[in-house]
């Protein structure tokens, strides 16, 4: 069930492992920021898998997207708690926020399209398996032909949307270097909080891409200063996830997503029988292979649908935050040196 990688171009720039460092600062975080960073640290701990086999699963992916939504909500709460109204923001901050949120929306769009494409392929497989399970001799040839068509579809799989996702991650990486800001403690707290959100988003996005990719080139390696309260939990999560994903590839598997590996395992049992004949394999065993593959495929389709729903929810959270910022900023009287932001 292999897929061709298409034109050989790295998902992420060669020699760019995203080793970005935030400038050292003597600024002491406020109590509000400390609470924010502790919450972020706990989210990273909750995402750390208990078992190696659960490194990437649909369940983990949904939880990861949910954790970014929680951090986005924390950012909005932080702005209120810091008493840092939008009208006091520098125009560059607004531009940065809008550009970053646009990158998140671009990722959602590209990744959502990839999910739809994958779903089409596995619906094809489901139709072929239904014909195989029917036992109708007239449908066996049709089912075998449909199965071969599905295999060809998988080999021709277009990963351009995953490449688009990696391009978004590269754009986020370019903004990891924090902008120079005036010596305003509240402003420094907000920028520091945004840095945590970016790290969380880049890491989770890269792992989501790795779930459907056949190469470890999608992974990022983010080096975070120890001054952050979430440094330890993030580093442990990144080490476990990236290490296990590389181990999966090293073992010969081409899929890191748990549900995809199960599908691939069962396809490898059934495909030779359709291609070369049953041989010494009994009809009972053959139908058992069909049933098991049907079960795995159905779970995979359900997982795709649930992931797409979670991605849509994430999209809505980003859009709501973007609109709230624009509404608040445009309702304030223009300040000297700051242009009104227009959609």
C-alpha atoms as a PDB file:
ATOM      1  CA  UNK A   1       0.000   0.000   0.000  1.00  0.00           C
ATOM      2  CA  UNK A   2       2.931   2.285  -0.716  1.00  0.00           C
ATOM      3  CA  UNK A   3       2.591   5.768  -2.091  1.00  0.00           C
ATOM      4  CA  UNK A   4       5.034   7.426  -4.399  1.00  0.00           C
ATOM      5  CA  UNK A   5       6.561  10.624  -3.051  1.00  0.00           C
ATOM      6  CA  UNK A   6       6.230  12.295  -6.441  1.00  0.00           C
ATOM      7  CA  UNK A   7       8.921  14.848  -7.362  1.00  0.00           C
ATOM      8  CA  UNK A   8      11.804  14.609  -4.966  1.00  0.00           C
ATOM      9  CA  UNK A   9      11.713  17.793  -2.939  1.00  0.00           C
ATOM     10  CA  UNK A  10      12.057  17.956   0.829  1.00  0.00           C
ATOM     11  CA  UNK A  11       8.935  18.819   2.778  1.00  0.00           C
ATOM     12  CA  UNK A  12      10.936  21.251   4.873  1.00  0.00           C
ATOM     13  CA  UNK A  13      14.103  23.182   3.928  1.00  0.00           C
ATOM     14  CA  UNK A  14      17.261  21.054   4.135  1.00  0.00           C
ATOM     15  CA  UNK A  15      19.412  21.929   7.094  1.00  0.00           C
ATOM     16  CA  UNK A  16      16.629  23.847   8.789  1.00  0.00           C
ATOM     17  CA  UNK A  17      15.653  21.875  11.913  1.00  0.00           C
ATOM     18  CA  UNK A  18      13.921  24.913  13.400  1.00  0.00           C
ATOM     19  CA  UNK A  19      16.512  25.420  16.102  1.00  0.00           C
ATOM     20  CA  UNK A  20      15.310  28.846  17.111  1.00  0.00           C
ATOM     21  CA  UNK A  21      16.171  30.569  20.347  1.00  0.00           C
ATOM     22  CA  UNK A  22      14.310  33.412  22.009  1.00  0.00           C
ATOM     23  CA  UNK A  23      16.491  36.258  23.144  1.00  0.00           C
ATOM     24  CA  UNK A  24      17.513  36.129  26.779  1.00  0.00           C
ATOM     25  CA  UNK A  25      15.767  38.674  28.938  1.00  0.00           C
ATOM     26  CA  UNK A  26      15.836  39.799  32.552  1.00  0.00           C
ATOM     27  CA  UNK A  27      12.099  40.414  32.472  1.00  0.00           C
ATOM     28  CA  UNK A  28      10.261  38.567  35.239  1.00  0.00           C
ATOM     29  CA  UNK A  29       6.938  37.042  34.151  1.00  0.00           C
ATOM     30  CA  UNK A  30       3.784  38.216  35.870  1.00  0.00           C
ATOM     31  CA  UNK A  31       1.521  35.925  37.905  1.00  0.00           C
ATOM     32  CA  UNK A  32      -0.899  35.878  34.963  1.00  0.00           C
ATOM     33  CA  UNK A  33       1.828  34.689  32.572  1.00  0.00           C
ATOM     34  CA  UNK A  34       3.073  32.103  35.067  1.00  0.00           C
ATOM     35  CA  UNK A  35      -0.421  30.595  35.213  1.00  0.00           C
ATOM     36  CA  UNK A  36      -0.568  30.566  31.411  1.00  0.00           C
ATOM     37  CA  UNK A  37       2.787  28.794  31.095  1.00  0.00           C
ATOM     38  CA  UNK A  38       1.867  26.220  33.749  1.00  0.00           C
ATOM     39  CA  UNK A  39      -1.295  25.403  31.805  1.00  0.00           C
ATOM     40  CA  UNK A  40       0.745  25.019  28.628  1.00  0.00           C
ATOM     41  CA  UNK A  41       3.200  22.732  30.404  1.00  0.00           C
ATOM     42  CA  UNK A  42       0.320  20.529  31.572  1.00  0.00           C
ATOM     43  CA  UNK A  43      -1.018  20.288  28.012  1.00  0.00           C
ATOM     44  CA  UNK A  44       2.337  19.028  26.784  1.00  0.00           C
ATOM     45  CA  UNK A  45       2.394  16.441  29.599  1.00  0.00           C
ATOM     46  CA  UNK A  46      -1.082  15.245  28.672  1.00  0.00           C
ATOM     47  CA  UNK A  47      -0.034  14.749  25.032  1.00  0.00           C
ATOM     48  CA  UNK A  48       2.916  12.535  25.952  1.00  0.00           C
ATOM     49  CA  UNK A  49       1.867   8.946  25.003  1.00  0.00           C
ATOM     50  CA  UNK A  50       1.932   6.258  27.662  1.00  0.00           C
ATOM     51  CA  UNK A  51       2.780   3.559  25.100  1.00  0.00           C
ATOM     52  CA  UNK A  52       5.005   3.653  22.048  1.00  0.00           C
ATOM     53  CA  UNK A  53       2.187   2.189  19.929  1.00  0.00           C
ATOM     54  CA  UNK A  54       0.087   5.274  20.652  1.00  0.00           C
ATOM     55  CA  UNK A  55       2.643   7.777  19.364  1.00  0.00           C
ATOM     56  CA  UNK A  56       0.375   8.894  16.525  1.00  0.00           C
ATOM     57  CA  UNK A  57      -3.251   7.834  16.486  1.00  0.00           C
ATOM     58  CA  UNK A  58      -6.465   9.586  15.553  1.00  0.00           C
ATOM     59  CA  UNK A  59      -7.173   9.986  19.252  1.00  0.00           C
ATOM     60  CA  UNK A  60      -3.818  11.729  19.821  1.00  0.00           C
ATOM     61  CA  UNK A  61      -4.301  13.986  16.781  1.00  0.00           C
ATOM     62  CA  UNK A  62      -7.723  15.139  17.972  1.00  0.00           C
ATOM     63  CA  UNK A  63      -6.375  15.807  21.465  1.00  0.00           C
ATOM     64  CA  UNK A  64      -3.451  17.762  19.998  1.00  0.00           C
ATOM     65  CA  UNK A  65      -5.731  20.027  17.956  1.00  0.00           C
ATOM     66  CA  UNK A  66      -7.922  20.511  21.005  1.00  0.00           C
ATOM     67  CA  UNK A  67      -4.895  21.564  23.055  1.00  0.00           C
ATOM     68  CA  UNK A  68      -4.067  24.337  20.565  1.00  0.00           C
ATOM     69  CA  UNK A  69      -7.674  25.551  20.791  1.00  0.00           C
ATOM     70  CA  UNK A  70      -7.312  25.715  24.575  1.00  0.00           C
ATOM     71  CA  UNK A  71      -4.097  27.736  24.280  1.00  0.00           C
ATOM     72  CA  UNK A  72      -5.723  30.138  21.812  1.00  0.00           C
ATOM     73  CA  UNK A  73      -8.512  30.703  24.330  1.00  0.00           C
ATOM     74  CA  UNK A  74      -5.901  31.224  27.062  1.00  0.00           C
ATOM     75  CA  UNK A  75      -4.233  33.901  24.911  1.00  0.00           C
ATOM     76  CA  UNK A  76      -7.510  35.803  24.658  1.00  0.00           C
ATOM     77  CA  UNK A  77      -8.018  35.491  28.419  1.00  0.00           C
ATOM     78  CA  UNK A  78      -4.440  36.624  29.004  1.00  0.00           C
ATOM     79  CA  UNK A  79      -5.020  39.817  27.021  1.00  0.00           C
ATOM     80  CA  UNK A  80      -7.989  40.621  29.253  1.00  0.00           C
ATOM     81  CA  UNK A  81      -6.192  39.717  32.507  1.00  0.00           C
ATOM     82  CA  UNK A  82      -3.149  41.781  31.559  1.00  0.00           C
ATOM     83  CA  UNK A  83      -5.469  44.737  30.933  1.00  0.00           C
ATOM     84  CA  UNK A  84      -3.749  45.188  27.603  1.00  0.00           C
ATOM     85  CA  UNK A  85      -6.562  46.425  25.325  1.00  0.00           C
ATOM     86  CA  UNK A  86      -6.270  46.032  21.579  1.00  0.00           C
ATOM     87  CA  UNK A  87      -6.198  49.816  21.156  1.00  0.00           C
ATOM     88  CA  UNK A  88      -2.810  49.872  22.913  1.00  0.00           C
ATOM     89  CA  UNK A  89      -1.284  47.404  20.494  1.00  0.00           C
ATOM     90  CA  UNK A  90       1.381  48.497  18.066  1.00  0.00           C
ATOM     91  CA  UNK A  91       0.291  48.158  14.433  1.00  0.00           C
ATOM     92  CA  UNK A  92       3.087  45.600  13.883  1.00  0.00           C
ATOM     93  CA  UNK A  93       1.593  43.379  16.581  1.00  0.00           C
ATOM     94  CA  UNK A  94      -1.777  43.398  14.861  1.00  0.00           C
ATOM     95  CA  UNK A  95      -0.174  42.572  11.522  1.00  0.00           C
ATOM     96  CA  UNK A  96       1.807  39.741  13.119  1.00  0.00           C
ATOM     97  CA  UNK A  97      -1.292  38.274  14.768  1.00  0.00           C
ATOM     98  CA  UNK A  98      -3.330  38.487  11.573  1.00  0.00           C
ATOM     99  CA  UNK A  99      -0.557  36.966   9.473  1.00  0.00           C
ATOM    100  CA  UNK A 100      -0.051  34.118  11.936  1.00  0.00           C
ATOM    101  CA  UNK A 101      -3.766  33.416  12.149  1.00  0.00           C
ATOM    102  CA  UNK A 102      -3.946  33.415   8.342  1.00  0.00           C
ATOM    103  CA  UNK A 103      -1.190  30.784   8.295  1.00  0.00           C
ATOM    104  CA  UNK A 104      -3.250  28.642  10.674  1.00  0.00           C
ATOM    105  CA  UNK A 105      -6.264  28.929   8.383  1.00  0.00           C
ATOM    106  CA  UNK A 106      -4.117  28.014   5.361  1.00  0.00           C
ATOM    107  CA  UNK A 107      -2.924  24.890   7.194  1.00  0.00           C
ATOM    108  CA  UNK A 108      -6.505  23.916   8.046  1.00  0.00           C
ATOM    109  CA  UNK A 109      -7.553  24.326   4.433  1.00  0.00           C
ATOM    110  CA  UNK A 110      -4.677  22.277   2.985  1.00  0.00           C
ATOM    111  CA  UNK A 111      -4.868  19.555   5.622  1.00  0.00           C
ATOM    112  CA  UNK A 112      -8.652  19.337   5.342  1.00  0.00           C
ATOM    113  CA  UNK A 113      -8.343  18.883   1.577  1.00  0.00           C
ATOM    114  CA  UNK A 114      -5.845  16.071   2.124  1.00  0.00           C
ATOM    115  CA  UNK A 115      -8.280  14.351   4.498  1.00  0.00           C
ATOM    116  CA  UNK A 116     -11.035  14.541   1.863  1.00  0.00           C
ATOM    117  CA  UNK A 117      -8.739  13.043  -0.775  1.00  0.00           C
ATOM    118  CA  UNK A 118      -7.771  10.220   1.530  1.00  0.00           C
ATOM    119  CA  UNK A 119     -11.379   9.523   2.413  1.00  0.00           C
ATOM    120  CA  UNK A 120     -12.237   9.122  -1.267  1.00  0.00           C
ATOM    121  CA  UNK A 121      -9.538   6.477  -1.615  1.00  0.00           C
ATOM    122  CA  UNK A 122     -10.680   4.445   1.376  1.00  0.00           C
ATOM    123  CA  UNK A 123     -14.319   4.624   0.289  1.00  0.00           C
ATOM    124  CA  UNK A 124     -13.080   2.973  -2.922  1.00  0.00           C
ATOM    125  CA  UNK A 125     -11.527   0.232  -0.799  1.00  0.00           C
ATOM    126  CA  UNK A 126     -14.747  -0.203   1.166  1.00  0.00           C
ATOM    127  CA  UNK A 127     -16.754  -0.768  -2.039  1.00  0.00           C
ATOM    128  CA  UNK A 128     -14.274  -3.378  -3.245  1.00  0.00           C
ATOM    129  CA  UNK A 129     -14.374  -5.200   0.089  1.00  0.00           C
ATOM    130  CA  UNK A 130     -18.171  -5.254   0.133  1.00  0.00           C
ATOM    131  CA  UNK A 131     -18.125  -7.039  -3.222  1.00  0.00           C
ATOM    132  CA  UNK A 132     -15.496  -9.491  -1.977  1.00  0.00           C
ATOM    133  CA  UNK A 133     -17.475 -10.294   1.169  1.00  0.00           C
ATOM    134  CA  UNK A 134     -20.672 -10.896  -0.795  1.00  0.00           C
ATOM    135  CA  UNK A 135     -19.305 -14.178  -2.125  1.00  0.00           C
ATOM    136  CA  UNK A 136     -21.109 -13.586  -5.420  1.00  0.00           C
ATOM    137  CA  UNK A 137     -18.882 -15.091  -8.160  1.00  0.00           C
ATOM    138  CA  UNK A 138     -20.040 -12.432 -10.632  1.00  0.00           C
ATOM    139  CA  UNK A 139     -18.824  -9.726  -8.284  1.00  0.00           C
ATOM    140  CA  UNK A 140     -15.463 -11.277  -7.465  1.00  0.00           C
ATOM    141  CA  UNK A 141     -13.821 -10.151 -10.700  1.00  0.00           C
ATOM    142  CA  UNK A 142     -15.303  -6.672 -10.287  1.00  0.00           C
ATOM    143  CA  UNK A 143     -14.107  -6.556  -6.679  1.00  0.00           C
ATOM    144  CA  UNK A 144     -10.626  -7.686  -7.651  1.00  0.00           C
ATOM    145  CA  UNK A 145     -10.499  -5.010 -10.357  1.00  0.00           C
ATOM    146  CA  UNK A 146     -11.735  -2.365  -7.905  1.00  0.00           C
ATOM    147  CA  UNK A 147      -9.093  -3.410  -5.385  1.00  0.00           C
ATOM    148  CA  UNK A 148      -6.365  -3.031  -8.017  1.00  0.00           C
ATOM    149  CA  UNK A 149      -7.725   0.400  -8.937  1.00  0.00           C
ATOM    150  CA  UNK A 150      -7.547   1.403  -5.285  1.00  0.00           C
ATOM    151  CA  UNK A 151      -3.929   0.223  -5.097  1.00  0.00           C
ATOM    152  CA  UNK A 152      -3.088   2.328  -8.135  1.00  0.00           C
ATOM    153  CA  UNK A 153      -4.885   5.319  -6.580  1.00  0.00           C
ATOM    154  CA  UNK A 154      -2.738   4.964  -3.475  1.00  0.00           C
ATOM    155  CA  UNK A 155       0.467   4.813  -5.512  1.00  0.00           C
ATOM    156  CA  UNK A 156      -0.513   7.924  -7.455  1.00  0.00           C
ATOM    157  CA  UNK A 157      -1.449   9.722  -4.245  1.00  0.00           C
ATOM    158  CA  UNK A 158      -0.753  13.441  -4.612  1.00  0.00           C
ATOM    159  CA  UNK A 159       1.029  14.798  -1.534  1.00  0.00           C
ATOM    160  CA  UNK A 160       0.978  18.408  -2.751  1.00  0.00           C
ATOM    161  CA  UNK A 161      -1.401  19.420   0.046  1.00  0.00           C
ATOM    162  CA  UNK A 162       0.968  18.005   2.658  1.00  0.00           C
ATOM    163  CA  UNK A 163       3.682  20.078   1.014  1.00  0.00           C
ATOM    164  CA  UNK A 164       1.431  23.128   1.379  1.00  0.00           C
ATOM    165  CA  UNK A 165       1.101  22.298   5.082  1.00  0.00           C
ATOM    166  CA  UNK A 166       4.888  22.178   5.425  1.00  0.00           C
ATOM    167  CA  UNK A 167       5.157  25.543   3.664  1.00  0.00           C
ATOM    168  CA  UNK A 168       2.860  26.973   6.356  1.00  0.00           C
ATOM    169  CA  UNK A 169       5.074  25.530   9.089  1.00  0.00           C
ATOM    170  CA  UNK A 170       8.085  27.182   7.433  1.00  0.00           C
ATOM    171  CA  UNK A 171       6.270  30.530   7.481  1.00  0.00           C
ATOM    172  CA  UNK A 172       5.519  30.110  11.190  1.00  0.00           C
ATOM    173  CA  UNK A 173       9.173  29.305  11.799  1.00  0.00           C
ATOM    174  CA  UNK A 174      10.152  32.608  10.218  1.00  0.00           C
ATOM    175  CA  UNK A 175       8.162  34.469  12.892  1.00  0.00           C
ATOM    176  CA  UNK A 176       9.642  32.643  15.897  1.00  0.00           C
ATOM    177  CA  UNK A 177      12.177  35.409  16.368  1.00  0.00           C
ATOM    178  CA  UNK A 178      10.308  37.814  18.595  1.00  0.00           C
ATOM    179  CA  UNK A 179       9.828  41.426  17.521  1.00  0.00           C
ATOM    180  CA  UNK A 180      11.611  44.198  19.371  1.00  0.00           C
ATOM    181  CA  UNK A 181       9.238  45.836  21.797  1.00  0.00           C
ATOM    182  CA  UNK A 182       9.365  48.715  24.201  1.00  0.00           C
ATOM    183  CA  UNK A 183      10.182  48.052  27.826  1.00  0.00           C
ATOM    184  CA  UNK A 184       6.563  47.463  28.790  1.00  0.00           C
ATOM    185  CA  UNK A 185       6.173  44.432  31.124  1.00  0.00           C
ATOM    186  CA  UNK A 186       2.639  43.626  29.993  1.00  0.00           C
ATOM    187  CA  UNK A 187       3.674  43.703  26.357  1.00  0.00           C
ATOM    188  CA  UNK A 188       6.641  41.424  27.068  1.00  0.00           C
ATOM    189  CA  UNK A 189       4.290  38.970  28.799  1.00  0.00           C
ATOM    190  CA  UNK A 190       1.998  38.849  25.783  1.00  0.00           C
ATOM    191  CA  UNK A 191       4.847  38.334  23.319  1.00  0.00           C
ATOM    192  CA  UNK A 192       6.296  35.577  25.507  1.00  0.00           C
ATOM    193  CA  UNK A 193       2.897  33.863  25.632  1.00  0.00           C
ATOM    194  CA  UNK A 194       2.589  34.080  21.844  1.00  0.00           C
ATOM    195  CA  UNK A 195       5.984  32.391  21.522  1.00  0.00           C
ATOM    196  CA  UNK A 196       4.660  29.403  23.474  1.00  0.00           C
ATOM    197  CA  UNK A 197       1.618  29.191  21.221  1.00  0.00           C
ATOM    198  CA  UNK A 198       3.805  29.224  18.107  1.00  0.00           C
ATOM    199  CA  UNK A 199       6.052  26.444  19.403  1.00  0.00           C
ATOM    200  CA  UNK A 200       3.040  24.327  20.332  1.00  0.00           C
ATOM    201  CA  UNK A 201       1.414  24.933  16.946  1.00  0.00           C
ATOM    202  CA  UNK A 202       4.533  24.197  14.882  1.00  0.00           C
ATOM    203  CA  UNK A 203       5.261  20.962  16.712  1.00  0.00           C
ATOM    204  CA  UNK A 204       1.696  19.654  16.510  1.00  0.00           C
ATOM    205  CA  UNK A 205       1.285  20.682  12.873  1.00  0.00           C
ATOM    206  CA  UNK A 206       4.505  18.894  11.900  1.00  0.00           C
ATOM    207  CA  UNK A 207       3.339  15.748  13.701  1.00  0.00           C
ATOM    208  CA  UNK A 208      -0.052  15.874  11.984  1.00  0.00           C
ATOM    209  CA  UNK A 209       1.725  16.009   8.621  1.00  0.00           C
ATOM    210  CA  UNK A 210       3.994  13.119   9.637  1.00  0.00           C
ATOM    211  CA  UNK A 211       0.899  11.002  10.323  1.00  0.00           C
ATOM    212  CA  UNK A 212       0.055  10.852   6.608  1.00  0.00           C
ATOM    213  CA  UNK A 213       3.542  11.249   5.210  1.00  0.00           C
ATOM    214  CA  UNK A 214       5.924   8.444   4.266  1.00  0.00           C
ATOM    215  CA  UNK A 215       9.057  10.317   5.312  1.00  0.00           C
ATOM    216  CA  UNK A 216      10.446  11.772   8.532  1.00  0.00           C
ATOM    217  CA  UNK A 217      11.472  14.945   6.672  1.00  0.00           C
ATOM    218  CA  UNK A 218       8.324  16.597   8.021  1.00  0.00           C
ATOM    219  CA  UNK A 219       9.513  16.556  11.638  1.00  0.00           C
ATOM    220  CA  UNK A 220      10.754  19.675  13.407  1.00  0.00           C
ATOM    221  CA  UNK A 221      13.337  19.965  16.170  1.00  0.00           C
ATOM    222  CA  UNK A 222      12.605  22.993  18.305  1.00  0.00           C
ATOM    223  CA  UNK A 223      15.116  24.092  20.942  1.00  0.00           C
ATOM    224  CA  UNK A 224      13.394  26.072  23.694  1.00  0.00           C
ATOM    225  CA  UNK A 225      15.241  28.107  26.372  1.00  0.00           C
ATOM    226  CA  UNK A 226      15.056  26.645  29.864  1.00  0.00           C
ATOM    227  CA  UNK A 227      13.552  29.838  31.283  1.00  0.00           C
ATOM    228  CA  UNK A 228      10.087  28.774  30.107  1.00  0.00           C
ATOM    229  CA  UNK A 229       8.004  26.865  32.617  1.00  0.00           C
ATOM    230  CA  UNK A 230       6.860  24.495  29.849  1.00  0.00           C
ATOM    231  CA  UNK A 231      10.391  23.807  28.571  1.00  0.00           C
ATOM    232  CA  UNK A 232      10.816  20.420  30.270  1.00  0.00           C
ATOM    233  CA  UNK A 233       7.417  18.938  29.394  1.00  0.00           C
ATOM    234  CA  UNK A 234       7.670  20.132  25.795  1.00  0.00           C
ATOM    235  CA  UNK A 235      11.191  18.787  25.335  1.00  0.00           C
ATOM    236  CA  UNK A 236      10.167  15.391  26.725  1.00  0.00           C
ATOM    237  CA  UNK A 237       7.131  15.247  24.425  1.00  0.00           C
ATOM    238  CA  UNK A 238       9.133  16.223  21.350  1.00  0.00           C
ATOM    239  CA  UNK A 239      11.886  13.712  22.146  1.00  0.00           C
ATOM    240  CA  UNK A 240       9.419  10.846  22.633  1.00  0.00           C
ATOM    241  CA  UNK A 241       7.309  11.616  19.567  1.00  0.00           C
ATOM    242  CA  UNK A 242      10.140  12.302  17.133  1.00  0.00           C
ATOM    243  CA  UNK A 243      12.201   9.396  18.420  1.00  0.00           C
ATOM    244  CA  UNK A 244       9.406   6.863  18.068  1.00  0.00           C
ATOM    245  CA  UNK A 245       8.409   8.142  14.623  1.00  0.00           C
ATOM    246  CA  UNK A 246      11.990   7.679  13.430  1.00  0.00           C
ATOM    247  CA  UNK A 247      12.006   4.179  14.948  1.00  0.00           C
ATOM    248  CA  UNK A 248       8.864   3.317  12.957  1.00  0.00           C
ATOM    249  CA  UNK A 249      10.520   4.354   9.701  1.00  0.00           C
ATOM    250  CA  UNK A 250      13.732   2.538  10.663  1.00  0.00           C
ATOM    251  CA  UNK A 251      11.763  -0.684  11.211  1.00  0.00           C
ATOM    252  CA  UNK A 252      10.584  -0.628   7.593  1.00  0.00           C
ATOM    253  CA  UNK A 253       7.073   0.733   8.109  1.00  0.00           C
ATOM    254  CA  UNK A 254       6.076   3.594   5.829  1.00  0.00           C
ATOM    255  CA  UNK A 255       3.198   4.856   7.947  1.00  0.00           C
ATOM    256  CA  UNK A 256       3.443   6.384  11.405  1.00  0.00           C
ATOM    257  CA  UNK A 257      -0.311   6.636  12.012  1.00  0.00           C
ATOM    258  CA  UNK A 258      -1.410   3.642  14.077  1.00  0.00           C
ATOM    259  CA  UNK A 259      -4.634   3.081  12.148  1.00  0.00           C
ATOM    260  CA  UNK A 260      -2.821   3.256   8.797  1.00  0.00           C
ATOM    261  CA  UNK A 261      -0.273   0.655   9.904  1.00  0.00           C
ATOM    262  CA  UNK A 262      -3.090  -1.741  10.798  1.00  0.00           C
ATOM    263  CA  UNK A 263      -4.658  -1.187   7.393  1.00  0.00           C
ATOM    264  CA  UNK A 264      -1.353  -1.743   5.620  1.00  0.00           C
ATOM    265  CA  UNK A 265      -0.747  -4.949   7.569  1.00  0.00           C
ATOM    266  CA  UNK A 266      -4.087  -6.418   6.463  1.00  0.00           C
ATOM    267  CA  UNK A 267      -3.775  -5.216   2.863  1.00  0.00           C
ATOM    268  CA  UNK A 268      -0.483  -7.105   2.610  1.00  0.00           C
ATOM    269  CA  UNK A 269      -2.301 -10.300   3.565  1.00  0.00           C
ATOM    270  CA  UNK A 270      -5.170  -9.904   1.120  1.00  0.00           C
ATOM    271  CA  UNK A 271      -3.596  -8.337  -1.957  1.00  0.00           C
ATOM    272  CA  UNK A 272      -1.351 -11.317  -2.943  1.00  0.00           C
ATOM    273  CA  UNK A 273      -4.389 -13.624  -2.823  1.00  0.00           C
ATOM    274  CA  UNK A 274      -6.283 -11.404  -5.255  1.00  0.00           C
ATOM    275  CA  UNK A 275      -3.265 -11.100  -7.504  1.00  0.00           C
ATOM    276  CA  UNK A 276      -1.966 -14.701  -7.481  1.00  0.00           C
ATOM    277  CA  UNK A 277      -4.981 -16.708  -6.345  1.00  0.00           C
ATOM    278  CA  UNK A 278      -5.852 -18.390  -3.057  1.00  0.00           C
ATOM    279  CA  UNK A 279      -3.465 -21.307  -3.440  1.00  0.00           C
ATOM    280  CA  UNK A 280      -3.593 -23.296  -0.210  1.00  0.00           C
ATOM    281  CA  UNK A 281      -5.549 -20.604   1.610  1.00  0.00           C
ATOM    282  CA  UNK A 282      -9.099 -21.701   2.403  1.00  0.00           C
ATOM    283  CA  UNK A 283     -12.178 -19.640   1.630  1.00  0.00           C
ATOM    284  CA  UNK A 284     -12.773 -19.290   5.367  1.00  0.00           C
ATOM    285  CA  UNK A 285      -9.347 -17.747   5.910  1.00  0.00           C
ATOM    286  CA  UNK A 286      -9.797 -15.539   2.840  1.00  0.00           C
ATOM    287  CA  UNK A 287     -13.122 -14.183   4.090  1.00  0.00           C
ATOM    288  CA  UNK A 288     -11.516 -13.669   7.491  1.00  0.00           C
ATOM    289  CA  UNK A 289      -8.884 -11.449   5.860  1.00  0.00           C
ATOM    290  CA  UNK A 290     -11.643  -9.521   4.065  1.00  0.00           C
ATOM    291  CA  UNK A 291     -13.619  -9.021   7.276  1.00  0.00           C
ATOM    292  CA  UNK A 292     -10.579  -7.862   9.230  1.00  0.00           C
ATOM    293  CA  UNK A 293      -9.588  -5.397   6.524  1.00  0.00           C
ATOM    294  CA  UNK A 294     -13.173  -4.153   6.322  1.00  0.00           C
ATOM    295  CA  UNK A 295     -13.176  -3.566  10.086  1.00  0.00           C
ATOM    296  CA  UNK A 296      -9.868  -1.670   9.970  1.00  0.00           C
ATOM    297  CA  UNK A 297     -11.002   0.382   6.990  1.00  0.00           C
ATOM    298  CA  UNK A 298     -14.275   1.327   8.684  1.00  0.00           C
ATOM    299  CA  UNK A 299     -12.420   2.483  11.802  1.00  0.00           C
ATOM    300  CA  UNK A 300     -10.054   4.476   9.621  1.00  0.00           C
ATOM    301  CA  UNK A 301     -12.924   6.233   7.832  1.00  0.00           C
ATOM    302  CA  UNK A 302     -14.563   7.082  11.168  1.00  0.00           C
ATOM    303  CA  UNK A 303     -11.217   8.413  12.410  1.00  0.00           C
ATOM    304  CA  UNK A 304     -10.830  10.592   9.323  1.00  0.00           C
ATOM    305  CA  UNK A 305     -14.335  12.027   9.790  1.00  0.00           C
ATOM    306  CA  UNK A 306     -13.710  12.806  13.454  1.00  0.00           C
ATOM    307  CA  UNK A 307     -10.340  14.393  12.655  1.00  0.00           C
ATOM    308  CA  UNK A 308     -11.960  16.538   9.968  1.00  0.00           C
ATOM    309  CA  UNK A 309     -14.607  17.662  12.473  1.00  0.00           C
ATOM    310  CA  UNK A 310     -11.897  18.616  14.979  1.00  0.00           C
ATOM    311  CA  UNK A 311     -10.008  20.489  12.259  1.00  0.00           C
ATOM    312  CA  UNK A 312     -13.193  22.387  11.384  1.00  0.00           C
ATOM    313  CA  UNK A 313     -13.647  23.302  15.067  1.00  0.00           C
ATOM    314  CA  UNK A 314     -10.052  24.528  15.189  1.00  0.00           C
ATOM    315  CA  UNK A 315     -10.686  26.594  12.044  1.00  0.00           C
ATOM    316  CA  UNK A 316     -13.702  28.236  13.712  1.00  0.00           C
ATOM    317  CA  UNK A 317     -11.728  29.072  16.876  1.00  0.00           C
ATOM    318  CA  UNK A 318      -9.044  30.796  14.769  1.00  0.00           C
ATOM    319  CA  UNK A 319     -11.621  32.711  12.713  1.00  0.00           C
ATOM    320  CA  UNK A 320     -13.491  33.825  15.861  1.00  0.00           C
ATOM    321  CA  UNK A 321     -10.265  35.101  17.423  1.00  0.00           C
ATOM    322  CA  UNK A 322      -9.316  36.907  14.247  1.00  0.00           C
ATOM    323  CA  UNK A 323     -12.718  38.588  13.950  1.00  0.00           C
ATOM    324  CA  UNK A 324     -12.726  39.559  17.624  1.00  0.00           C
ATOM    325  CA  UNK A 325      -9.363  41.291  17.251  1.00  0.00           C
ATOM    326  CA  UNK A 326     -10.485  43.147  14.128  1.00  0.00           C
ATOM    327  CA  UNK A 327     -13.754  44.210  15.735  1.00  0.00           C
ATOM    328  CA  UNK A 328     -12.047  45.486  18.891  1.00  0.00           C
ATOM    329  CA  UNK A 329      -9.297  47.252  16.993  1.00  0.00           C
ATOM    330  CA  UNK A 330     -11.606  48.959  14.499  1.00  0.00           C
ATOM    331  CA  UNK A 331     -13.955  50.175  17.248  1.00  0.00           C
ATOM    332  CA  UNK A 332     -11.129  52.097  18.909  1.00  0.00           C
ATOM    333  CA  UNK A 333     -10.233  55.635  17.828  1.00  0.00           C
ATOM    334  CA  UNK A 334      -7.047  55.672  15.718  1.00  0.00           C
ATOM    335  CA  UNK A 335      -3.887  56.316  17.695  1.00  0.00           C
ATOM    336  CA  UNK A 336      -1.022  58.387  16.384  1.00  0.00           C
ATOM    337  CA  UNK A 337       1.317  56.229  14.321  1.00  0.00           C
ATOM    338  CA  UNK A 338      -1.137  53.331  14.096  1.00  0.00           C
ATOM    339  CA  UNK A 339      -3.199  52.681  10.997  1.00  0.00           C
ATOM    340  CA  UNK A 340      -6.634  51.183  11.222  1.00  0.00           C
ATOM    341  CA  UNK A 341      -6.635  47.552  10.161  1.00  0.00           C
ATOM    342  CA  UNK A 342      -9.001  46.625   7.371  1.00  0.00           C
ATOM    343  CA  UNK A 343      -9.982  43.178   6.203  1.00  0.00           C
END
